[in-house]
N, C-alpha and C. Protein backbone atom coordinates (compact mmCIF):
# COMPACT_ATOMS: atom_id res chain seq x y z
N MET A 1 20.67 67.42 -32.73
CA MET A 1 19.93 66.60 -33.57
C MET A 1 18.78 66.29 -34.08
N SER A 2 18.43 66.54 -35.38
CA SER A 2 16.96 66.47 -35.56
C SER A 2 16.28 65.05 -35.54
N GLY A 3 17.13 64.06 -35.23
CA GLY A 3 16.65 62.63 -35.27
C GLY A 3 16.50 61.94 -36.64
N LYS A 4 16.64 62.62 -37.63
CA LYS A 4 16.71 62.24 -38.97
C LYS A 4 18.13 62.01 -39.64
N ARG A 5 18.00 60.71 -40.30
CA ARG A 5 19.37 60.59 -40.59
C ARG A 5 19.53 60.38 -42.15
N ILE A 6 20.48 60.97 -42.73
CA ILE A 6 20.50 60.87 -44.25
C ILE A 6 21.76 60.41 -44.83
N VAL A 7 21.74 59.54 -45.23
CA VAL A 7 22.41 58.32 -46.13
C VAL A 7 22.55 58.80 -47.49
N ARG A 8 23.79 59.19 -47.97
CA ARG A 8 23.79 59.56 -49.43
C ARG A 8 24.79 58.33 -49.88
N ARG A 9 24.19 57.70 -50.92
CA ARG A 9 25.19 56.95 -51.74
C ARG A 9 25.11 57.13 -53.52
N SER A 10 26.38 56.47 -53.67
CA SER A 10 26.57 56.80 -55.42
C SER A 10 26.58 55.65 -55.76
N SER A 11 26.68 55.29 -57.26
CA SER A 11 26.94 54.48 -58.11
C SER A 11 28.31 53.88 -57.76
N GLU A 12 29.29 54.81 -57.09
CA GLU A 12 30.82 54.11 -57.46
C GLU A 12 31.12 53.72 -55.69
N ASP A 13 29.91 53.75 -54.91
CA ASP A 13 30.20 52.91 -53.62
C ASP A 13 30.56 51.34 -53.37
N GLY A 14 30.97 50.86 -54.62
CA GLY A 14 31.63 49.68 -54.34
C GLY A 14 30.53 48.41 -54.25
N ARG A 15 29.44 48.75 -54.06
CA ARG A 15 28.32 47.61 -53.92
C ARG A 15 28.16 46.89 -55.20
N LYS A 16 28.45 45.74 -55.43
CA LYS A 16 28.16 45.01 -56.65
C LYS A 16 27.62 44.03 -56.01
N GLY A 17 26.69 43.40 -57.13
CA GLY A 17 25.56 42.48 -57.05
C GLY A 17 25.84 41.35 -58.32
N GLU A 18 25.41 40.16 -58.47
CA GLU A 18 25.48 39.29 -59.50
C GLU A 18 24.80 39.65 -60.65
N THR A 19 23.98 40.73 -60.54
CA THR A 19 23.06 40.62 -61.70
C THR A 19 23.65 41.19 -62.72
N ASP A 20 23.46 40.63 -63.90
CA ASP A 20 23.98 40.94 -65.17
C ASP A 20 23.07 42.37 -65.85
N TRP A 21 23.16 43.52 -65.67
CA TRP A 21 22.45 44.28 -65.95
C TRP A 21 22.45 44.62 -67.32
N ASN A 22 23.68 44.66 -67.89
CA ASN A 22 23.74 44.80 -69.53
C ASN A 22 22.79 44.00 -70.39
N ARG A 23 22.80 42.75 -69.79
CA ARG A 23 22.07 41.72 -70.42
C ARG A 23 20.39 41.89 -70.04
N VAL A 24 20.33 42.14 -68.92
CA VAL A 24 19.08 42.98 -68.63
C VAL A 24 18.39 44.00 -69.28
N ASP A 25 19.06 45.10 -69.52
CA ASP A 25 18.72 45.98 -70.35
C ASP A 25 18.46 45.74 -72.00
N ALA A 26 19.28 44.76 -72.47
CA ALA A 26 18.94 44.61 -73.58
C ALA A 26 17.87 43.52 -74.03
N MET A 27 17.14 43.24 -72.74
CA MET A 27 16.15 42.50 -72.80
C MET A 27 14.88 43.02 -73.04
N THR A 28 13.90 42.39 -73.87
CA THR A 28 12.63 43.17 -74.03
C THR A 28 11.64 43.41 -72.99
N GLU A 29 10.67 44.04 -72.77
CA GLU A 29 9.71 43.86 -71.86
C GLU A 29 9.14 42.33 -71.83
N GLU A 30 8.87 41.74 -73.05
CA GLU A 30 8.32 40.28 -73.05
C GLU A 30 9.26 39.51 -72.76
N GLU A 31 10.36 39.37 -73.08
CA GLU A 31 11.88 38.34 -72.33
C GLU A 31 11.49 38.42 -70.70
N VAL A 32 11.66 40.01 -70.11
CA VAL A 32 11.64 40.29 -68.58
C VAL A 32 10.39 39.62 -68.32
N GLU A 33 9.30 39.70 -68.66
CA GLU A 33 8.08 38.96 -67.85
C GLU A 33 8.07 37.50 -68.31
N ALA A 34 8.56 36.87 -69.32
CA ALA A 34 8.93 35.45 -69.30
C ALA A 34 9.43 34.73 -68.40
N ALA A 35 10.70 35.58 -68.27
CA ALA A 35 11.77 35.08 -67.54
C ALA A 35 11.09 35.01 -65.95
N ALA A 36 10.75 36.39 -65.71
CA ALA A 36 9.86 36.47 -64.33
C ALA A 36 8.88 35.47 -63.99
N LYS A 37 7.81 34.83 -64.95
CA LYS A 37 7.02 33.95 -64.83
C LYS A 37 7.31 32.53 -64.55
N SER A 38 8.83 32.52 -65.39
CA SER A 38 9.55 31.08 -65.30
C SER A 38 10.73 30.90 -64.18
N ASP A 39 10.69 31.87 -63.31
CA ASP A 39 11.56 31.81 -62.03
C ASP A 39 10.66 31.40 -60.61
N PRO A 40 11.09 30.05 -60.28
CA PRO A 40 10.49 29.01 -59.42
C PRO A 40 10.79 29.89 -58.09
N ASP A 41 11.81 30.76 -57.83
CA ASP A 41 11.89 31.52 -56.37
C ASP A 41 10.89 32.48 -56.00
N ALA A 42 10.42 32.95 -57.70
CA ALA A 42 9.46 34.28 -57.34
C ALA A 42 7.92 33.95 -58.34
N PRO A 43 7.32 33.10 -57.23
CA PRO A 43 6.03 32.89 -57.98
C PRO A 43 4.94 34.28 -58.18
N LEU A 44 4.31 34.30 -59.02
CA LEU A 44 3.52 35.64 -59.57
C LEU A 44 2.05 35.46 -58.30
N THR A 45 2.21 36.66 -57.61
CA THR A 45 1.06 37.12 -56.81
C THR A 45 -0.22 37.81 -57.38
N ASP A 46 -0.85 38.01 -56.75
CA ASP A 46 -2.37 38.63 -57.01
C ASP A 46 -3.00 39.47 -55.96
N GLU A 47 -3.90 40.37 -56.16
CA GLU A 47 -4.59 41.24 -55.16
C GLU A 47 -4.65 40.31 -54.28
N GLU A 48 -5.63 39.34 -53.96
CA GLU A 48 -6.19 38.46 -53.11
C GLU A 48 -4.40 38.22 -52.02
N PHE A 49 -3.60 37.65 -52.68
CA PHE A 49 -2.43 37.60 -51.89
C PHE A 49 -2.07 38.81 -51.43
N TRP A 50 -2.02 40.06 -51.48
CA TRP A 50 -1.68 41.22 -50.76
C TRP A 50 -2.96 41.76 -50.12
N LYS A 51 -4.21 41.02 -50.00
CA LYS A 51 -5.32 41.89 -49.39
C LYS A 51 -4.82 42.40 -47.98
N ASP A 52 -4.20 41.44 -47.11
CA ASP A 52 -4.13 41.41 -45.69
C ASP A 52 -2.56 42.31 -45.41
N ALA A 53 -2.06 42.90 -46.50
CA ALA A 53 -0.85 43.17 -46.24
C ALA A 53 -0.34 44.64 -45.43
N ALA A 54 0.72 44.57 -44.58
CA ALA A 54 0.69 45.84 -43.96
C ALA A 54 2.08 46.05 -43.95
N ILE A 55 2.24 47.41 -43.96
CA ILE A 55 3.50 48.14 -44.23
C ILE A 55 3.88 48.27 -42.48
N VAL A 56 5.20 47.56 -42.41
CA VAL A 56 5.44 47.20 -41.20
C VAL A 56 6.99 47.92 -41.14
N LEU A 57 6.95 49.20 -40.45
CA LEU A 57 8.22 50.13 -40.44
C LEU A 57 9.24 49.57 -39.22
N PRO A 58 10.52 49.65 -39.18
CA PRO A 58 11.26 49.01 -38.04
C PRO A 58 11.27 50.28 -37.24
N GLU A 59 11.65 49.76 -35.89
CA GLU A 59 11.42 50.77 -34.79
C GLU A 59 12.97 51.98 -35.08
N ALA A 60 12.90 52.58 -34.42
CA ALA A 60 13.59 53.43 -35.03
C ALA A 60 15.11 53.70 -33.95
N LYS A 61 16.17 53.94 -34.33
CA LYS A 61 17.28 53.53 -33.61
C LYS A 61 17.57 54.86 -32.88
N GLU A 62 18.40 54.92 -31.76
CA GLU A 62 18.62 55.85 -30.75
C GLU A 62 20.02 56.01 -30.68
N ALA A 63 20.51 57.10 -31.23
CA ALA A 63 21.67 57.39 -31.00
C ALA A 63 22.05 57.57 -29.30
N ILE A 64 23.43 57.18 -29.69
CA ILE A 64 23.84 56.83 -27.92
C ILE A 64 25.75 57.21 -28.16
N SER A 65 26.12 57.61 -27.05
CA SER A 65 27.62 57.53 -27.11
C SER A 65 28.27 56.10 -26.31
N LEU A 66 28.73 55.19 -27.16
CA LEU A 66 28.94 54.02 -26.06
C LEU A 66 30.63 53.75 -25.95
N ARG A 67 31.08 53.34 -24.99
CA ARG A 67 32.74 52.97 -25.06
C ARG A 67 32.65 51.35 -25.12
N ILE A 68 33.68 51.52 -26.08
CA ILE A 68 33.68 49.89 -26.68
C ILE A 68 35.35 50.00 -26.78
N ASP A 69 35.64 48.52 -26.23
CA ASP A 69 37.36 48.31 -26.41
C ASP A 69 37.63 48.34 -27.78
N ARG A 70 38.67 49.07 -27.83
CA ARG A 70 39.48 49.33 -29.09
C ARG A 70 39.47 47.77 -29.96
N ASP A 71 40.26 46.93 -29.27
CA ASP A 71 39.94 45.59 -30.32
C ASP A 71 38.64 45.03 -30.88
N VAL A 72 37.83 45.34 -29.91
CA VAL A 72 36.24 44.79 -30.25
C VAL A 72 35.75 45.78 -31.35
N LEU A 73 35.84 47.26 -31.38
CA LEU A 73 35.32 47.95 -32.39
C LEU A 73 36.59 47.64 -33.62
N LYS A 74 37.52 47.75 -33.65
CA LYS A 74 38.54 47.45 -34.77
C LYS A 74 37.88 46.23 -35.30
N TRP A 75 37.77 45.20 -34.58
CA TRP A 75 37.19 43.54 -35.52
C TRP A 75 35.70 43.60 -35.93
N PHE A 76 34.92 44.82 -35.32
CA PHE A 76 33.73 44.90 -36.29
C PHE A 76 33.57 45.90 -37.50
N LYS A 77 34.56 46.46 -37.39
CA LYS A 77 34.39 47.51 -38.69
C LYS A 77 35.54 46.58 -39.43
N ALA A 78 36.36 45.80 -39.12
CA ALA A 78 36.89 45.06 -40.22
C ALA A 78 36.15 44.11 -41.14
N GLN A 79 34.77 43.82 -40.25
CA GLN A 79 34.07 42.97 -41.12
C GLN A 79 33.17 43.90 -42.23
N GLY A 80 33.40 45.01 -42.63
CA GLY A 80 33.02 46.00 -43.68
C GLY A 80 31.85 46.75 -43.26
N ARG A 81 31.15 47.26 -44.39
CA ARG A 81 29.81 48.24 -43.89
C ARG A 81 28.88 47.51 -43.09
N GLY A 82 28.28 48.60 -42.22
CA GLY A 82 26.77 47.79 -41.67
C GLY A 82 27.73 46.95 -39.82
N TYR A 83 28.85 47.57 -39.70
CA TYR A 83 29.16 47.00 -38.64
C TYR A 83 28.36 47.11 -37.21
N GLN A 84 28.11 48.75 -37.52
CA GLN A 84 26.92 48.95 -36.21
C GLN A 84 26.02 47.99 -36.24
N THR A 85 25.20 47.78 -37.24
CA THR A 85 23.91 46.90 -37.60
C THR A 85 24.41 45.66 -37.12
N ARG A 86 25.33 45.03 -37.12
CA ARG A 86 26.14 43.93 -36.95
C ARG A 86 26.17 43.93 -35.49
N MET A 87 27.19 44.55 -34.51
CA MET A 87 26.90 45.06 -33.07
C MET A 87 25.44 44.97 -32.79
N ASN A 88 24.81 45.80 -32.94
CA ASN A 88 22.86 45.61 -32.69
C ASN A 88 22.57 44.25 -32.36
N ALA A 89 23.08 43.41 -33.57
CA ALA A 89 22.29 42.22 -33.72
C ALA A 89 23.15 41.02 -32.55
N VAL A 90 24.19 41.18 -32.42
CA VAL A 90 24.66 40.75 -31.45
C VAL A 90 24.10 41.17 -29.97
N LEU A 91 24.26 42.17 -29.69
CA LEU A 91 23.47 42.68 -28.43
C LEU A 91 22.16 42.27 -28.38
N ARG A 92 21.39 42.35 -29.28
CA ARG A 92 19.91 41.52 -29.65
C ARG A 92 19.87 40.26 -29.11
N THR A 93 20.75 39.55 -29.50
CA THR A 93 20.81 38.16 -29.35
C THR A 93 21.13 37.98 -27.82
N TYR A 94 21.96 38.49 -27.39
CA TYR A 94 22.03 38.45 -26.08
C TYR A 94 21.05 38.60 -25.13
N MET A 95 20.38 39.99 -25.49
CA MET A 95 19.02 40.10 -24.67
C MET A 95 18.14 39.25 -25.04
N ASN A 96 17.79 38.64 -25.99
CA ASN A 96 16.92 38.16 -26.22
C ASN A 96 17.17 36.36 -25.67
N ALA A 97 18.56 35.88 -25.46
CA ALA A 97 18.98 34.75 -24.71
C ALA A 97 18.39 34.85 -23.13
N LYS A 98 19.02 36.34 -22.62
CA LYS A 98 19.02 36.51 -21.41
C LYS A 98 17.18 36.17 -20.76
N ARG A 99 16.38 36.90 -21.82
CA ARG A 99 14.92 36.74 -21.41
C ARG A 99 14.56 35.72 -21.55
N ALA A 100 15.09 34.61 -22.26
CA ALA A 100 14.44 33.58 -22.51
C ALA A 100 14.66 32.74 -21.11
N ASP A 101 16.07 33.23 -20.98
CA ASP A 101 16.61 32.78 -19.30
C ASP A 101 15.60 32.81 -18.15
N HIS A 102 15.26 33.95 -18.23
CA HIS A 102 14.62 34.35 -17.25
C HIS A 102 12.69 34.02 -17.42
N ASN A 103 12.29 33.85 -18.53
CA ASN A 103 11.09 33.48 -19.03
C ASN A 103 11.06 31.88 -19.61
N PRO A 104 11.29 30.92 -18.96
CA PRO A 104 11.55 29.80 -19.61
C PRO A 104 10.16 28.95 -20.23
N SER A 105 9.12 29.95 -19.84
CA SER A 105 7.93 29.18 -20.56
C SER A 105 7.74 30.01 -22.15
N GLY A 106 8.30 30.77 -22.19
CA GLY A 106 8.01 31.30 -23.42
C GLY A 106 7.76 32.72 -23.48
């Protein structure tokens, strides 16, 4: 294994959001800019805001072979895409809780 993982996706993947792309496509650039400026959840930023920004990449995952009870795996898979990520999150939460148990001062 090369350590690289290639994920291919297409527009037919079934992932749908709530964006009305036909409406967005029909808007002029000025209308898009006005809508962006009026969005209270997305304030405009300037160079000063980003001057100390740094790109932080997540740690690489390690591929392993893991034996999981069939019903546990079936349950996680039934939750849909990203079941391995959710399993990792559950394990991370457990790990962090155990770390806190052994280090109550922080």
